[in-house]
Amino acid sequence: MKIVGDYTRLDFIQIWLLEVFDYWGYLHDAVVWNCGRTPEGREYLETAYNHSQTEPDRARLRIKCGGGEHGKQ
């Protein structure tokens, strides 16, 4: 509740009265906001984002592998 309070500037009673989905949304945003304040936190967020991806970034892979059209040289 403290991190949500710090992020939203709501007191604990106001937070307690939030709908559960509103609370979880604020909690998500507060964690991202808090992590984004330090280099280590930003690195964590980038790593977490990369782990959540289910499709490869084909354009970036082509550039990294030095391939031309469709990854062929």
N, C-alpha and C. Protein backbone atom coordinates (compact mmCIF):
# COMPACT_ATOMS: atom_id res chain seq x y z
N MET A 1 0.82 -1.19 0.00
CA MET A 1 0.00 0.00 0.00
C MET A 1 0.86 1.26 0.00
N LYS A 2 2.04 1.16 0.61
CA LYS A 2 2.89 2.35 0.70
C LYS A 2 3.35 2.82 -0.67
N ILE A 3 3.77 1.88 -1.52
CA ILE A 3 4.25 2.29 -2.84
C ILE A 3 3.12 2.92 -3.67
N VAL A 4 1.91 2.40 -3.53
CA VAL A 4 0.76 2.99 -4.23
C VAL A 4 0.48 4.38 -3.66
N GLY A 5 0.58 4.52 -2.36
CA GLY A 5 0.38 5.83 -1.73
C GLY A 5 1.41 6.85 -2.17
N ASP A 6 2.67 6.42 -2.24
CA ASP A 6 3.72 7.32 -2.70
C ASP A 6 3.50 7.74 -4.15
N TYR A 7 3.03 6.81 -4.96
CA TYR A 7 2.83 7.08 -6.38
C TYR A 7 1.59 7.96 -6.61
N THR A 8 0.49 7.66 -5.93
CA THR A 8 -0.78 8.35 -6.19
C THR A 8 -1.04 9.52 -5.24
N ARG A 9 -0.29 9.59 -4.16
CA ARG A 9 -0.49 10.59 -3.11
C ARG A 9 -1.84 10.42 -2.40
N LEU A 10 -2.39 9.20 -2.46
CA LEU A 10 -3.60 8.88 -1.72
C LEU A 10 -3.20 8.39 -0.34
N ASP A 11 -4.07 8.60 0.66
CA ASP A 11 -3.78 8.05 1.98
C ASP A 11 -4.28 6.60 2.03
N PHE A 12 -3.93 5.90 3.11
CA PHE A 12 -4.23 4.46 3.19
C PHE A 12 -5.73 4.19 3.15
N ILE A 13 -6.54 5.05 3.71
CA ILE A 13 -8.00 4.84 3.69
C ILE A 13 -8.52 4.94 2.26
N GLN A 14 -8.04 5.93 1.51
CA GLN A 14 -8.46 6.07 0.12
C GLN A 14 -8.00 4.87 -0.71
N ILE A 15 -6.81 4.40 -0.44
CA ILE A 15 -6.31 3.22 -1.16
C ILE A 15 -7.14 2.00 -0.80
N TRP A 16 -7.47 1.85 0.46
CA TRP A 16 -8.26 0.71 0.92
C TRP A 16 -9.63 0.67 0.25
N LEU A 17 -10.17 1.84 -0.09
CA LEU A 17 -11.50 1.92 -0.69
C LEU A 17 -11.49 1.78 -2.22
N LEU A 18 -10.32 1.65 -2.81
CA LEU A 18 -10.24 1.48 -4.26
C LEU A 18 -10.80 0.14 -4.69
N GLU A 19 -11.33 0.10 -5.91
CA GLU A 19 -11.70 -1.18 -6.50
C GLU A 19 -10.43 -1.98 -6.72
N VAL A 20 -10.53 -3.30 -6.68
CA VAL A 20 -9.34 -4.14 -6.75
C VAL A 20 -8.57 -3.95 -8.05
N PHE A 21 -9.27 -3.78 -9.17
CA PHE A 21 -8.59 -3.60 -10.44
C PHE A 21 -7.90 -2.25 -10.53
N ASP A 22 -8.49 -1.23 -9.92
CA ASP A 22 -7.83 0.07 -9.85
C ASP A 22 -6.56 -0.03 -9.01
N TYR A 23 -6.66 -0.73 -7.89
CA TYR A 23 -5.49 -0.91 -7.02
C TYR A 23 -4.36 -1.63 -7.76
N TRP A 24 -4.69 -2.72 -8.43
CA TRP A 24 -3.65 -3.48 -9.15
C TRP A 24 -3.05 -2.65 -10.28
N GLY A 25 -3.87 -1.85 -10.95
CA GLY A 25 -3.35 -0.96 -11.99
C GLY A 25 -2.39 0.06 -11.42
N TYR A 26 -2.78 0.69 -10.30
CA TYR A 26 -1.89 1.64 -9.64
C TYR A 26 -0.62 0.96 -9.14
N LEU A 27 -0.75 -0.26 -8.62
CA LEU A 27 0.42 -0.98 -8.12
C LEU A 27 1.40 -1.25 -9.27
N HIS A 28 0.88 -1.70 -10.39
CA HIS A 28 1.74 -1.94 -11.56
C HIS A 28 2.46 -0.66 -11.96
N ASP A 29 1.70 0.42 -12.11
CA ASP A 29 2.30 1.69 -12.52
C ASP A 29 3.31 2.19 -11.50
N ALA A 30 3.02 2.00 -10.21
CA ALA A 30 3.92 2.45 -9.16
C ALA A 30 5.23 1.67 -9.17
N VAL A 31 5.17 0.38 -9.42
CA VAL A 31 6.39 -0.43 -9.48
C VAL A 31 7.23 -0.01 -10.67
N VAL A 32 6.60 0.19 -11.82
CA VAL A 32 7.34 0.63 -13.01
C VAL A 32 7.95 2.01 -12.76
N TRP A 33 7.17 2.92 -12.19
CA TRP A 33 7.66 4.26 -11.87
C TRP A 33 8.84 4.20 -10.91
N ASN A 34 8.73 3.37 -9.89
CA ASN A 34 9.79 3.27 -8.89
C ASN A 34 11.05 2.64 -9.48
N CYS A 35 10.89 1.62 -10.30
CA CYS A 35 12.06 0.97 -10.92
C CYS A 35 12.73 1.88 -11.93
N GLY A 36 11.96 2.71 -12.59
CA GLY A 36 12.51 3.59 -13.61
C GLY A 36 13.36 4.72 -13.08
N ARG A 37 13.46 4.84 -11.78
CA ARG A 37 14.20 5.94 -11.17
C ARG A 37 15.69 5.64 -11.00
N THR A 38 16.12 4.39 -11.18
CA THR A 38 17.53 4.04 -11.01
C THR A 38 18.01 3.28 -12.24
N PRO A 39 19.30 3.33 -12.52
CA PRO A 39 19.81 2.55 -13.67
C PRO A 39 19.56 1.05 -13.52
N GLU A 40 19.72 0.53 -12.30
CA GLU A 40 19.48 -0.90 -12.08
C GLU A 40 18.01 -1.24 -12.31
N GLY A 41 17.13 -0.36 -11.88
CA GLY A 41 15.70 -0.58 -12.08
C GLY A 41 15.32 -0.55 -13.54
N ARG A 42 15.90 0.40 -14.29
CA ARG A 42 15.63 0.46 -15.72
C ARG A 42 16.14 -0.79 -16.43
N GLU A 43 17.30 -1.29 -16.00
CA GLU A 43 17.82 -2.53 -16.58
C GLU A 43 16.89 -3.70 -16.28
N TYR A 44 16.37 -3.75 -15.04
CA TYR A 44 15.42 -4.79 -14.66
C TYR A 44 14.16 -4.72 -15.53
N LEU A 45 13.64 -3.51 -15.74
CA LEU A 45 12.43 -3.36 -16.55
C LEU A 45 12.67 -3.79 -18.00
N GLU A 46 13.83 -3.45 -18.54
CA GLU A 46 14.15 -3.85 -19.90
C GLU A 46 14.26 -5.37 -20.01
N THR A 47 14.91 -6.00 -19.03
CA THR A 47 15.04 -7.45 -19.02
C THR A 47 13.67 -8.11 -18.88
N ALA A 48 12.84 -7.58 -18.00
CA ALA A 48 11.49 -8.14 -17.82
C ALA A 48 10.68 -8.01 -19.10
N TYR A 49 10.80 -6.87 -19.77
CA TYR A 49 10.09 -6.67 -21.04
C TYR A 49 10.56 -7.69 -22.07
N ASN A 50 11.88 -7.86 -22.17
CA ASN A 50 12.42 -8.81 -23.15
C ASN A 50 11.97 -10.24 -22.86
N HIS A 51 11.87 -10.60 -21.59
CA HIS A 51 11.42 -11.95 -21.24
C HIS A 51 9.94 -12.16 -21.52
N SER A 52 9.17 -11.08 -21.58
CA SER A 52 7.73 -11.22 -21.80
C SER A 52 7.38 -11.31 -23.29
N GLN A 53 8.34 -11.04 -24.16
CA GLN A 53 8.07 -11.06 -25.60
C GLN A 53 7.95 -12.50 -26.10
N THR A 54 6.96 -12.73 -26.95
CA THR A 54 6.75 -14.07 -27.50
C THR A 54 7.12 -14.15 -28.97
N GLU A 55 7.30 -13.01 -29.62
CA GLU A 55 7.68 -12.97 -31.03
C GLU A 55 9.06 -12.33 -31.15
N PRO A 56 9.92 -12.85 -32.03
CA PRO A 56 11.24 -12.26 -32.20
C PRO A 56 11.16 -10.91 -32.92
N ASP A 57 12.10 -10.04 -32.63
CA ASP A 57 12.23 -8.77 -33.33
C ASP A 57 13.07 -9.04 -34.57
N ARG A 58 12.40 -9.39 -35.64
CA ARG A 58 13.09 -9.84 -36.85
C ARG A 58 13.99 -8.75 -37.45
N ALA A 59 13.56 -7.51 -37.43
CA ALA A 59 14.37 -6.43 -37.99
C ALA A 59 15.68 -6.29 -37.23
N ARG A 60 15.61 -6.33 -35.92
CA ARG A 60 16.82 -6.20 -35.11
C ARG A 60 17.74 -7.43 -35.30
N LEU A 61 17.14 -8.61 -35.43
CA LEU A 61 17.95 -9.81 -35.67
C LEU A 61 18.67 -9.73 -37.01
N ARG A 62 17.98 -9.21 -38.04
CA ARG A 62 18.61 -9.08 -39.35
C ARG A 62 19.81 -8.13 -39.28
N ILE A 63 19.64 -7.03 -38.56
CA ILE A 63 20.74 -6.07 -38.41
C ILE A 63 21.89 -6.70 -37.65
N LYS A 64 21.58 -7.38 -36.56
CA LYS A 64 22.61 -7.98 -35.72
C LYS A 64 23.37 -9.08 -36.44
N CYS A 65 22.67 -9.88 -37.23
CA CYS A 65 23.29 -10.99 -37.93
C CYS A 65 23.92 -10.56 -39.25
N GLY A 66 23.75 -9.31 -39.65
CA GLY A 66 24.36 -8.80 -40.86
C GLY A 66 23.70 -9.28 -42.12
N GLY A 67 22.48 -9.77 -42.02
CA GLY A 67 21.80 -10.28 -43.19
C GLY A 67 21.11 -9.19 -43.98
N GLY A 68 20.88 -9.49 -45.21
CA GLY A 68 20.15 -8.57 -46.08
C GLY A 68 18.67 -8.86 -46.03
N GLU A 69 18.08 -8.97 -47.20
CA GLU A 69 16.66 -9.25 -47.27
C GLU A 69 16.36 -10.65 -46.72
N HIS A 70 15.46 -10.71 -45.80
CA HIS A 70 15.04 -11.96 -45.14
C HIS A 70 16.20 -12.69 -44.46
N GLY A 71 17.22 -11.94 -44.05
CA GLY A 71 18.32 -12.53 -43.30
C GLY A 71 19.34 -13.24 -44.13
N LYS A 72 19.27 -13.14 -45.46
CA LYS A 72 20.23 -13.81 -46.33
C LYS A 72 21.36 -12.85 -46.69
N GLN A 73 22.53 -13.41 -46.88
CA GLN A 73 23.66 -12.57 -47.25
C GLN A 73 23.97 -12.70 -48.71
